[in-house]
Amino acid sequence: MTAREAAISALCEVDEGKNLKDALAAIYEKNEMKDEDRQLANELAFGTLRHREEIDQIVRETLTGDFFSLDATLKNVLRISVYQYLFFDRIPIYAIVNEAVNFGRTLKEKGLINAVLRGVIRNKRVQVLREPRAWVFRKIMDAYQVEGEKIIECFKIRPTPYIRINLLKNTVEEAREKLRMSGLEYKQANWFSEFKSVDHLSLVINSPLMKQGDISIHDEAQGLVCHLVDPKPGERIVDLCSAPGSKATYMAEMMKNEGMVIAVDISNERLKLVVDNAVRLGIRVIRPVIADGRYYKLEGVDKVLVDAPCTNAGVIAKRPEVKDRVNKKVVTRLAKLQYDLLTNAAHYLRVGGSLIYSTCSILPDENEDVITLFLKSNPNFVVEPANDFTPQGDDFLKVLPCDYNTDGVFAARLKKTE
């Protein structure tokens, strides 16, 4: 018996006068159920019962006909589904409707369930009741009318960890053999052969392969940003806001340790992380610089990566505190900082060089809006389409966290024309 079947059955017994706790206990005694399924059944049954009066009113507003004349099972299928829609926000809307329709015993019942639930979902008054409380979630829902629910749901799932093979020390095939010999289990990642997904980072962190510099911890979507930079051996590249150095070291690896990566960060302590990672990985071309990227001066470089401070709205699964800390004031402050960093970085470039802007946010205020403002103020820059450099994106690189089990990222590549 599934959790939903148990909850519906128990609520039907409540309709006949039985105590809900006793009804659920009897069901658990007769049916083998996992602990998590029992917890879900309890939450569904008790939550629906607590809000039954409100839920019944919502259904009655939508149903053509007499709600109370429906049989008990059908009523409680509708009640539980509306409860899930209102209060049980870790289940996507489409899943709520599909699961409810499957409880219909005839085509007529299936049609009724589908019609009522879709009517409830379209009800503007009910939509307001369901709006996420966190400001950043409301912003995501506004920005992503289709994917918003799915994005918020994926933030509740344990994020997939990724490792990156150091191609300065190994071929991909050699690294695979080392991973096998070390007992580290992995799967191929989404786009690049040197990236692998793993189940847990605890074994990776203490692995000899990590300590010897054969691998690094690096989300693959963040690696996409480095591919958008497209670093070449011999180039002179600035990595602004560089710490802890995942992108700087990956770009150095892609450059085959030939050229220069100027790693700029405002924090001496955080910049030390870049240096430590470079030493561990055998990288010789990173030059650390302690500076505020808004005021740092340099000229004639080939490429600049501005990996700007942001709200982290694309990595809430890793940074759950974001949902309570981010508000309009924070976004406004960060957008100004992002624009200032980008504007100053533009002066570093030679004509023909490329400026790459990236964040781990998915809020347009920190991404497209910043780029639009920059281009308006700097007509000597043009967009270089991301899909000319990466397997994802169009004009811009954008990866939503719900699509590939990676971080959510945004990046744009801009060419200096004069």
Protein backbone atom coordinates (compact mmCIF):
# COMPACT_ATOMS: atom_id res chain seq x y z
CA MET A 1 0.00 0.00 0.00
CA THR A 2 1.33 3.45 -0.93
CA ALA A 3 1.37 6.42 1.43
CA ARG A 4 -1.45 8.13 -0.49
CA GLU A 5 -3.59 5.01 -0.52
CA ALA A 6 -3.12 4.70 3.25
CA ALA A 7 -4.01 8.35 3.84
CA ILE A 8 -7.12 8.19 1.65
CA SER A 9 -8.28 4.97 3.31
CA ALA A 10 -7.78 6.45 6.78
CA LEU A 11 -9.69 9.63 5.90
CA CYS A 12 -12.55 7.54 4.56
CA GLU A 13 -12.73 5.82 7.95
CA VAL A 14 -12.74 9.21 9.65
CA ASP A 15 -15.79 10.08 7.55
CA GLU A 16 -17.46 7.05 9.13
CA GLY A 17 -16.66 8.28 12.63
CA LYS A 18 -13.33 6.60 13.37
CA ASN A 19 -10.36 8.36 15.05
CA LEU A 20 -7.65 9.18 12.48
CA LYS A 21 -4.78 7.94 14.64
CA ASP A 22 -6.54 4.62 15.23
CA ALA A 23 -7.41 4.32 11.54
CA LEU A 24 -3.81 4.79 10.47
CA ALA A 25 -2.54 2.38 13.16
CA ALA A 26 -4.89 -0.33 11.88
CA ILE A 27 -3.72 0.21 8.32
CA TYR A 28 -0.05 -0.01 9.33
CA GLU A 29 -0.75 -3.22 11.25
CA LYS A 30 -2.29 -4.89 8.19
CA ASN A 31 0.13 -3.55 5.56
CA GLU A 32 3.91 -3.54 5.38
CA MET A 33 5.07 0.02 4.74
CA LYS A 34 8.47 1.69 4.89
CA ASP A 35 9.03 4.27 7.61
CA GLU A 36 9.21 7.11 5.07
CA ASP A 37 5.90 6.00 3.54
CA ARG A 38 4.26 5.98 6.97
CA GLN A 39 5.60 9.48 7.64
CA LEU A 40 4.21 10.69 4.33
CA ALA A 41 0.82 9.05 5.00
CA ASN A 42 0.68 10.73 8.42
CA GLU A 43 1.53 14.11 6.96
CA LEU A 44 -1.05 13.79 4.20
CA ALA A 45 -3.83 12.51 6.43
CA PHE A 46 -3.36 14.80 9.43
CA GLY A 47 -2.62 17.84 7.25
CA THR A 48 -5.70 17.29 5.11
CA LEU A 49 -7.89 16.81 8.16
CA ARG A 50 -6.57 20.00 9.81
CA HIS A 51 -7.48 22.04 6.74
CA ARG A 52 -10.54 20.09 5.59
CA GLU A 53 -13.04 22.93 5.98
CA GLU A 54 -10.92 25.29 3.89
CA ILE A 55 -10.18 22.58 1.32
CA ASP A 56 -13.84 21.58 0.98
CA GLN A 57 -14.77 25.21 0.32
CA ILE A 58 -12.15 25.45 -2.45
CA VAL A 59 -13.37 22.24 -4.10
CA ARG A 60 -17.02 23.31 -3.88
CA GLU A 61 -16.18 26.55 -5.69
CA THR A 62 -14.74 24.56 -8.57
CA LEU A 63 -16.92 21.45 -8.80
CA THR A 64 -20.05 21.49 -10.91
CA GLY A 65 -22.45 19.55 -8.74
CA ASP A 66 -22.77 18.59 -5.09
CA PHE A 67 -19.39 17.81 -3.53
CA PHE A 68 -20.92 16.07 -0.51
CA SER A 69 -22.86 13.65 -2.72
CA LEU A 70 -19.61 12.17 -4.04
CA ASP A 71 -18.51 8.90 -2.51
CA ALA A 72 -15.96 9.06 0.31
CA THR A 73 -12.97 7.84 -1.69
CA LEU A 74 -13.45 10.40 -4.44
CA LYS A 75 -13.92 13.23 -1.95
CA ASN A 76 -10.74 12.33 -0.11
CA VAL A 77 -8.71 11.97 -3.29
CA LEU A 78 -9.68 15.55 -4.10
CA ARG A 79 -9.08 16.74 -0.53
CA ILE A 80 -5.58 15.24 -0.30
CA SER A 81 -4.64 16.59 -3.74
CA VAL A 82 -5.75 20.13 -2.85
CA TYR A 83 -3.87 19.86 0.46
CA GLN A 84 -0.72 18.87 -1.46
CA TYR A 85 -1.20 21.79 -3.83
CA LEU A 86 -1.65 24.29 -1.00
CA PHE A 87 0.77 23.12 1.65
CA PHE A 88 2.93 20.22 0.45
CA ASP A 89 5.18 22.20 -1.86
CA ARG A 90 7.87 19.59 -2.51
CA ILE A 91 5.64 17.83 -5.07
CA PRO A 92 5.33 19.47 -8.54
CA ILE A 93 1.82 20.43 -9.67
CA TYR A 94 1.81 18.07 -12.64
CA ALA A 95 2.66 15.14 -10.35
CA ILE A 96 -0.17 16.01 -7.96
CA VAL A 97 -2.70 16.00 -10.80
CA ASN A 98 -1.35 12.83 -12.43
CA GLU A 99 -1.30 10.87 -9.17
CA ALA A 100 -4.82 11.98 -8.29
CA VAL A 101 -6.21 11.05 -11.71
CA ASN A 102 -4.74 7.57 -11.33
CA PHE A 103 -7.03 7.05 -8.32
CA GLY A 104 -10.08 7.42 -10.55
CA ARG A 105 -11.84 4.08 -10.95
CA THR A 106 -13.69 4.99 -14.14
CA LEU A 107 -13.11 7.37 -17.03
CA LYS A 108 -15.83 9.60 -15.61
CA GLU A 109 -14.09 9.80 -12.24
CA LYS A 110 -10.71 10.43 -13.87
CA GLY A 111 -12.21 13.25 -15.92
CA LEU A 112 -13.86 14.78 -12.85
CA ILE A 113 -10.64 14.68 -10.80
CA ASN A 114 -8.64 16.22 -13.63
CA ALA A 115 -11.20 18.98 -14.23
CA VAL A 116 -11.58 19.91 -10.55
CA LEU A 117 -7.86 20.03 -9.81
CA ARG A 118 -7.05 22.06 -12.90
CA GLY A 119 -9.85 24.44 -11.94
CA VAL A 120 -8.36 24.79 -8.46
CA ILE A 121 -4.91 25.46 -9.93
CA ARG A 122 -6.32 28.21 -12.19
CA ASN A 123 -8.15 29.86 -9.29
CA LYS A 124 -6.34 33.17 -8.66
CA ARG A 125 -7.43 33.32 -5.02
CA VAL A 126 -6.05 29.84 -4.39
CA GLN A 127 -2.81 30.64 -6.23
CA VAL A 128 -2.18 33.45 -3.76
CA LEU A 129 -2.51 30.98 -0.89
CA ARG A 130 0.15 28.80 -2.47
CA GLU A 131 2.72 31.50 -3.22
CA PRO A 132 6.10 30.67 -1.65
CA ARG A 133 6.89 32.82 1.34
CA ALA A 134 10.60 33.33 0.62
CA TRP A 135 11.22 36.47 -1.44
CA VAL A 136 13.79 34.76 -3.65
CA PHE A 137 11.34 31.95 -4.46
CA ARG A 138 8.71 34.46 -5.51
CA LYS A 139 11.29 36.11 -7.76
CA ILE A 140 12.11 32.74 -9.33
CA MET A 141 8.40 32.02 -9.88
CA ASP A 142 7.99 35.42 -11.55
CA ALA A 143 11.04 34.93 -13.78
CA TYR A 144 10.29 31.32 -14.76
CA GLN A 145 6.56 30.87 -15.35
CA VAL A 146 7.02 27.34 -16.71
CA GLU A 147 10.01 25.99 -14.78
CA GLY A 148 9.60 27.88 -11.49
CA GLU A 149 7.91 25.10 -9.54
CA LYS A 150 10.43 22.56 -10.77
CA ILE A 151 13.38 24.79 -9.87
CA ILE A 152 12.16 25.29 -6.32
CA GLU A 153 11.53 21.56 -5.96
CA CYS A 154 15.07 20.70 -7.03
CA PHE A 155 16.47 22.92 -4.27
CA LYS A 156 15.05 20.40 -1.77
CA ILE A 157 17.06 17.51 -3.22
CA ARG A 158 20.62 16.71 -2.15
CA PRO A 159 22.85 18.22 -4.86
CA THR A 160 24.95 15.95 -7.06
CA PRO A 161 28.70 16.34 -6.36
CA TYR A 162 31.14 16.45 -9.28
CA ILE A 163 34.86 15.91 -9.61
CA ARG A 164 37.19 17.12 -12.37
CA ILE A 165 40.13 15.11 -13.64
CA ASN A 166 43.40 17.06 -13.81
CA LEU A 167 44.47 16.62 -17.43
CA LEU A 168 47.93 17.96 -16.62
CA LYS A 169 48.63 14.82 -14.61
CA ASN A 170 46.45 12.19 -16.29
CA THR A 171 44.65 11.27 -19.43
CA VAL A 172 40.97 10.56 -18.84
CA GLU A 173 41.66 6.84 -19.27
CA GLU A 174 44.51 6.87 -16.73
CA ALA A 175 42.35 8.74 -14.25
CA ARG A 176 39.50 6.26 -14.67
CA GLU A 177 41.87 3.44 -13.75
CA LYS A 178 43.12 5.37 -10.71
CA LEU A 179 39.54 6.01 -9.61
CA ARG A 180 38.74 2.33 -10.00
CA MET A 181 41.81 1.26 -8.05
CA SER A 182 41.03 3.74 -5.26
CA GLY A 183 37.48 2.43 -4.91
CA LEU A 184 35.85 5.78 -5.71
CA GLU A 185 32.58 5.13 -7.53
CA TYR A 186 31.59 7.60 -10.21
CA LYS A 187 29.38 8.16 -13.26
CA GLN A 188 30.05 10.07 -16.43
CA ALA A 189 28.84 13.67 -16.18
CA ASN A 190 26.74 15.59 -18.70
CA TRP A 191 29.10 17.24 -21.17
CA PHE A 192 32.83 16.73 -20.62
CA SER A 193 34.85 13.53 -20.30
CA GLU A 194 37.04 14.96 -17.52
CA PHE A 195 34.03 15.53 -15.24
CA LYS A 196 32.47 12.72 -13.20
CA SER A 197 29.56 12.70 -10.77
CA VAL A 198 29.98 10.95 -7.42
CA ASP A 199 27.61 10.00 -4.63
CA HIS A 200 29.39 11.65 -1.70
CA LEU A 201 32.32 14.01 -1.29
CA SER A 202 33.52 12.64 2.04
CA LEU A 203 35.57 9.88 0.39
CA VAL A 204 36.82 12.25 -2.30
CA ILE A 205 38.11 14.89 0.13
CA ASN A 206 40.32 12.40 1.97
CA SER A 207 41.34 10.47 -1.13
CA PRO A 208 45.04 10.26 -2.10
CA LEU A 209 43.94 11.24 -5.62
CA MET A 210 42.66 14.54 -4.24
CA LYS A 211 45.75 15.19 -2.14
CA GLN A 212 48.08 14.34 -5.05
CA GLY A 213 46.22 16.67 -7.42
CA ASP A 214 44.80 14.06 -9.76
CA ILE A 215 41.26 15.39 -9.21
CA SER A 216 39.43 18.48 -7.97
CA ILE A 217 35.92 19.10 -6.69
CA HIS A 218 34.19 21.21 -9.33
CA ASP A 219 30.57 21.41 -10.46
CA GLU A 220 30.29 20.67 -14.16
CA ALA A 221 28.02 23.65 -14.92
CA GLN A 222 30.72 25.89 -13.46
CA GLY A 223 33.09 24.12 -15.82
CA LEU A 224 30.87 25.20 -18.71
CA VAL A 225 31.75 28.79 -17.85
CA CYS A 226 35.43 27.99 -18.39
CA HIS A 227 34.61 26.54 -21.79
CA LEU A 228 32.83 29.79 -22.62
CA VAL A 229 36.10 31.60 -21.80
CA ASP A 230 37.79 29.14 -24.19
CA PRO A 231 41.30 29.64 -22.76
CA LYS A 232 44.19 28.89 -25.14
CA PRO A 233 47.83 28.05 -24.35
CA GLY A 234 49.92 31.20 -24.17
CA GLU A 235 47.06 33.61 -23.48
CA ARG A 236 47.01 36.20 -20.71
CA ILE A 237 43.74 35.87 -18.79
CA VAL A 238 42.36 37.65 -15.73
CA ASP A 239 40.11 35.73 -13.34
CA LEU A 240 38.38 38.41 -11.29
CA CYS A 241 36.91 37.36 -7.91
CA SER A 242 38.95 34.19 -8.32
CA ALA A 243 38.77 32.42 -4.95
CA PRO A 244 38.65 29.54 -4.22
CA GLY A 245 40.17 28.93 -7.64
CA SER A 246 38.16 26.17 -9.31
CA LYS A 247 37.80 28.16 -12.53
CA ALA A 248 41.32 29.58 -12.45
CA THR A 249 42.85 26.12 -12.08
CA TYR A 250 40.60 24.56 -14.71
CA MET A 251 41.49 27.30 -17.19
CA ALA A 252 45.19 26.74 -16.44
CA GLU A 253 44.74 23.03 -17.09
CA MET A 254 42.96 23.79 -20.38
CA MET A 255 45.90 26.08 -21.27
CA LYS A 256 48.28 23.17 -20.64
CA ASN A 257 50.24 25.28 -18.12
CA GLU A 258 51.26 27.73 -20.86
CA GLY A 259 50.48 31.45 -20.57
CA MET A 260 49.23 33.32 -17.50
CA VAL A 261 46.11 33.36 -15.34
CA ILE A 262 46.03 36.45 -13.13
CA ALA A 263 43.89 35.44 -10.16
CA VAL A 264 42.47 38.58 -8.49
CA ASP A 265 40.60 38.55 -5.21
CA ILE A 266 39.93 41.11 -2.51
CA SER A 267 40.56 38.63 0.32
CA ASN A 268 44.09 37.55 1.19
CA GLU A 269 42.75 34.55 3.10
CA ARG A 270 40.59 33.38 0.20
CA LEU A 271 43.33 34.02 -2.34
CA LYS A 272 45.51 31.61 -0.39
CA LEU A 273 43.00 28.90 -1.35
CA VAL A 274 43.71 29.61 -5.02
CA VAL A 275 47.44 29.30 -4.43
CA ASP A 276 47.08 26.09 -2.42
CA ASN A 277 44.91 24.53 -5.13
CA ALA A 278 47.37 25.54 -7.84
CA VAL A 279 50.28 23.95 -5.94
CA ARG A 280 48.31 20.75 -5.32
CA LEU A 281 47.42 20.48 -9.02
CA GLY A 282 50.92 21.23 -10.30
CA ILE A 283 49.89 24.51 -11.94
CA ARG A 284 52.65 27.05 -12.59
CA VAL A 285 50.87 29.79 -14.56
CA ILE A 286 48.58 31.32 -11.91
CA ARG A 287 49.67 34.73 -10.58
CA PRO A 288 47.76 35.78 -7.42
CA VAL A 289 46.87 39.45 -6.92
CA ILE A 290 45.14 40.93 -3.87
CA ALA A 291 42.94 43.75 -5.16
CA ASP A 292 39.41 45.12 -5.34
CA GLY A 293 38.22 44.29 -8.84
CA ARG A 294 36.31 47.58 -9.07
CA TYR A 295 39.56 49.57 -8.95
CA TYR A 296 42.33 47.21 -10.12
CA LYS A 297 44.17 48.52 -13.20
CA LEU A 298 45.62 46.45 -16.04
CA GLU A 299 45.78 46.62 -19.84
CA GLY A 300 46.24 44.44 -22.89
CA VAL A 301 44.97 41.07 -21.67
CA ASP A 302 43.32 38.55 -23.98
CA LYS A 303 40.34 37.60 -21.83
CA VAL A 304 38.76 38.52 -18.52
CA LEU A 305 36.43 36.31 -16.50
CA VAL A 306 34.27 38.28 -14.06
CA ASP A 307 32.86 35.55 -11.84
CA ALA A 308 30.88 38.07 -9.85
CA PRO A 309 29.62 37.88 -6.26
CA CYS A 310 25.89 37.14 -6.38
CA THR A 311 22.88 35.98 -4.38
CA ASN A 312 23.70 32.29 -5.08
CA ALA A 313 20.09 31.90 -6.23
CA GLY A 314 21.13 29.06 -8.55
CA VAL A 315 22.71 26.97 -5.79
CA ILE A 316 20.13 27.10 -3.00
CA ALA A 317 20.36 23.31 -2.66
CA LYS A 318 23.94 23.88 -1.46
CA ARG A 319 23.27 27.21 0.24
CA PRO A 320 19.80 26.88 1.82
CA GLU A 321 20.35 29.99 3.95
CA VAL A 322 19.94 32.04 0.76
CA LYS A 323 16.16 31.77 0.85
CA ASP A 324 16.07 33.66 4.14
CA ARG A 325 18.80 36.21 3.42
CA VAL A 326 18.03 37.42 -0.09
CA ASN A 327 15.64 40.32 -0.66
CA LYS A 328 15.17 43.23 -3.03
CA LYS A 329 17.72 45.38 -1.21
CA VAL A 330 20.38 42.64 -1.41
CA VAL A 331 19.77 42.10 -5.13
CA THR A 332 19.95 45.85 -5.86
CA ARG A 333 23.25 46.14 -3.97
CA LEU A 334 24.77 43.12 -5.72
CA ALA A 335 23.62 44.22 -9.18
CA LYS A 336 25.48 47.52 -8.72
CA LEU A 337 28.61 45.68 -7.57
CA GLN A 338 28.35 43.31 -10.56
CA TYR A 339 28.00 46.21 -12.99
CA ASP A 340 30.95 48.06 -11.43
CA LEU A 341 33.18 44.97 -11.65
CA LEU A 342 32.20 44.38 -15.26
CA THR A 343 32.72 48.02 -16.25
CA ASN A 344 36.19 48.19 -14.73
CA ALA A 345 37.19 44.80 -16.16
CA ALA A 346 36.35 46.06 -19.66
CA HIS A 347 39.40 48.35 -19.49
CA TYR A 348 41.79 45.40 -19.04
CA LEU A 349 41.17 44.01 -22.51
CA ARG A 350 43.00 44.50 -25.75
CA VAL A 351 40.83 45.23 -28.79
CA GLY A 352 39.47 41.90 -29.98
CA GLY A 353 39.64 40.42 -26.50
CA SER A 354 36.70 38.85 -24.72
CA LEU A 355 34.97 39.70 -21.45
CA ILE A 356 33.09 36.82 -19.81
CA TYR A 357 30.59 37.57 -17.07
CA SER A 358 29.21 34.78 -14.89
CA THR A 359 27.17 34.20 -11.74
CA CYS A 360 25.69 31.23 -9.91
CA SER A 361 22.38 33.09 -9.78
CA ILE A 362 19.36 32.52 -12.03
CA LEU A 363 17.74 35.90 -11.28
CA PRO A 364 17.56 38.15 -14.39
CA ASP A 365 18.33 41.20 -12.19
CA GLU A 366 21.86 39.83 -11.72
CA ASN A 367 22.31 38.44 -15.20
CA GLU A 368 20.55 39.63 -18.35
CA ASP A 369 19.73 43.01 -16.80
CA VAL A 370 23.38 43.65 -15.89
CA ILE A 371 24.54 42.71 -19.40
CA THR A 372 21.87 44.90 -21.02
CA LEU A 373 22.93 47.90 -18.96
CA PHE A 374 26.62 47.26 -19.68
CA LEU A 375 26.08 47.00 -23.46
CA LYS A 376 24.02 50.18 -23.44
CA SER A 377 26.90 52.02 -21.77
CA ASN A 378 29.67 50.28 -23.77
CA PRO A 379 28.76 50.19 -27.50
CA ASN A 380 32.28 48.95 -28.31
CA PHE A 381 31.28 45.49 -27.00
CA VAL A 382 29.12 42.90 -28.77
CA VAL A 383 27.71 39.57 -27.63
CA GLU A 384 29.56 36.47 -28.79
CA PRO A 385 26.94 33.66 -28.80
CA ALA A 386 27.56 31.11 -26.07
CA ASN A 387 26.59 28.22 -28.32
CA ASP A 388 29.69 28.93 -30.42
CA PHE A 389 31.77 27.77 -27.44
CA THR A 390 29.65 25.50 -25.23
CA PRO A 391 27.20 22.61 -25.72
CA GLN A 392 24.60 24.62 -23.77
CA GLY A 393 23.00 28.01 -24.27
CA ASP A 394 22.13 30.35 -27.12
CA ASP A 395 23.33 33.96 -27.01
CA PHE A 396 23.93 33.46 -23.29
CA LEU A 397 24.89 30.41 -21.30
CA LYS A 398 22.18 29.52 -18.82
CA VAL A 399 21.79 26.24 -16.94
CA LEU A 400 18.84 25.83 -14.60
CA PRO A 401 19.56 23.68 -11.53
CA CYS A 402 16.62 21.39 -12.29
CA ASP A 403 17.79 20.41 -15.78
CA TYR A 404 21.07 18.49 -15.36
CA ASN A 405 21.53 18.01 -11.59
CA THR A 406 24.15 20.75 -11.54
CA ASP A 407 24.47 24.26 -10.17
CA GLY A 408 22.33 26.92 -11.75
CA VAL A 409 24.62 29.28 -13.68
CA PHE A 410 24.49 32.21 -16.08
CA ALA A 411 27.28 33.52 -18.26
CA ALA A 412 27.72 35.90 -21.19
CA ARG A 413 30.70 36.42 -23.50
CA LEU A 414 31.29 39.93 -24.87
CA LYS A 415 33.89 40.94 -27.49
CA LYS A 416 35.70 44.28 -27.43
CA THR A 417 35.49 45.64 -30.98
CA GLU A 418 37.40 48.91 -30.61
